[in-house]
Amino acid sequence: MAFKPLHDRVLVRRVEGDEKTKGGLIIPESAKEKPAEGEIIATGEGARKDSGELIDMAVKAGDRVLFGKWSGTEVTIDGEELLIMKESDILGIMA
């Protein structure tokens, strides 16, 4: 993939949620919510302070993260649906 986000933006691939409930019921596509969990595919170099000093990114490619339900902008790159969002939209890194 030849895409690199700019500044403090990240490219995220959603991680698919469960297709069954804990009780074993199958969830139809129309009732599924989009997952708020994903894997970082690529990151920008980071934001800059007013002085021009670079602020390093707290996330890196391969990190599994949680983000807000309505975070990011959906894009299609190489036929795959991905999200571009600011690093500040990420709620945390899954350990």
Protein backbone atom coordinates (compact mmCIF):
# COMPACT_ATOMS: atom_id res chain seq x y z
CA MET A 1 0.00 0.00 0.00
CA ALA A 2 1.44 3.33 -1.05
CA PHE A 3 -0.30 5.69 1.39
CA LYS A 4 1.29 7.66 4.23
CA PRO A 5 -0.89 9.85 6.47
CA LEU A 6 0.30 13.39 7.12
CA HIS A 7 1.06 15.07 10.44
CA ASP A 8 -0.77 13.44 13.40
CA ARG A 9 -3.13 11.29 11.36
CA VAL A 10 -3.30 7.48 11.36
CA LEU A 11 -4.67 4.89 8.95
CA VAL A 12 -6.74 2.22 10.73
CA ARG A 13 -8.22 -1.11 9.62
CA ARG A 14 -11.33 -2.00 11.61
CA VAL A 15 -11.23 -5.33 13.44
CA GLU A 16 -14.41 -7.30 12.80
CA GLY A 17 -16.60 -7.97 15.82
CA ASP A 18 -18.25 -11.21 16.87
CA GLU A 19 -20.87 -12.71 14.57
CA LYS A 20 -22.63 -14.45 17.46
CA THR A 21 -23.88 -13.30 20.83
CA LYS A 22 -22.62 -14.93 24.03
CA GLY A 23 -25.84 -16.98 24.01
CA GLY A 24 -25.07 -18.31 20.51
CA LEU A 25 -27.48 -16.22 18.46
CA ILE A 26 -26.17 -15.17 15.04
CA ILE A 27 -26.19 -11.40 14.51
CA PRO A 28 -27.41 -10.42 11.01
CA GLU A 29 -25.37 -7.88 8.99
CA SER A 30 -28.15 -5.29 9.24
CA ALA A 31 -28.03 -5.35 13.07
CA LYS A 32 -24.27 -5.24 13.50
CA GLU A 33 -22.60 -2.08 14.72
CA LYS A 34 -19.33 -1.01 13.19
CA PRO A 35 -16.53 -2.02 15.51
CA ALA A 36 -14.73 0.70 17.45
CA GLU A 37 -11.55 -1.36 17.54
CA GLY A 38 -8.88 -1.50 14.88
CA GLU A 39 -5.27 -2.03 13.90
CA ILE A 40 -2.97 0.84 12.97
CA ILE A 41 -1.76 0.38 9.38
CA ALA A 42 0.29 3.57 8.97
CA THR A 43 1.02 6.77 10.89
CA GLY A 44 2.14 10.26 10.02
CA GLU A 45 5.31 11.73 11.46
CA GLY A 46 3.49 13.58 14.26
CA ALA A 47 2.19 17.04 15.04
CA ARG A 48 4.40 20.09 15.41
CA LYS A 49 4.51 22.62 18.23
CA ASP A 50 4.34 26.33 17.43
CA SER A 51 8.14 26.35 17.72
CA GLY A 52 8.35 23.74 14.92
CA GLU A 53 9.47 20.95 17.26
CA LEU A 54 8.04 17.54 16.31
CA ILE A 55 5.73 15.78 18.79
CA ASP A 56 6.26 12.03 18.38
CA MET A 57 3.27 9.77 17.79
CA ALA A 58 2.14 7.60 20.73
CA VAL A 59 0.94 4.82 18.39
CA LYS A 60 2.77 2.83 15.73
CA ALA A 61 1.86 0.47 12.89
CA GLY A 62 0.61 -2.84 14.26
CA ASP A 63 -0.90 -1.39 17.47
CA ARG A 64 -4.46 -2.50 18.25
CA VAL A 65 -6.50 0.52 19.36
CA LEU A 66 -9.95 1.61 20.54
CA PHE A 67 -11.52 4.73 19.05
CA GLY A 68 -14.80 6.62 19.25
CA LYS A 69 -17.82 5.25 17.41
CA TRP A 70 -18.01 8.21 15.02
CA SER A 71 -14.25 8.86 14.73
CA GLY A 72 -12.40 9.19 11.49
CA THR A 73 -13.20 9.41 7.81
CA GLU A 74 -13.91 6.24 5.83
CA VAL A 75 -11.76 5.82 2.72
CA THR A 76 -11.18 3.02 0.22
CA ILE A 77 -7.54 2.30 -0.59
CA ASP A 78 -6.59 -0.61 -2.86
CA GLY A 79 -10.18 -1.89 -2.61
CA GLU A 80 -10.10 -2.05 1.21
CA GLU A 81 -12.28 0.12 3.47
CA LEU A 82 -10.11 1.91 6.03
CA LEU A 83 -10.35 4.88 8.39
CA ILE A 84 -8.19 7.98 8.57
CA MET A 85 -8.32 9.78 11.90
CA LYS A 86 -6.30 12.10 14.08
CA GLU A 87 -4.25 10.48 16.81
CA SER A 88 -6.34 12.38 19.38
CA ASP A 89 -9.45 10.41 18.24
CA ILE A 90 -7.84 7.22 19.58
CA LEU A 91 -9.01 6.39 23.09
CA GLY A 92 -6.30 3.87 23.95
CA ILE A 93 -4.00 1.05 22.92
CA MET A 94 -5.05 -2.54 23.63
CA ALA A 95 -2.38 -4.38 25.61
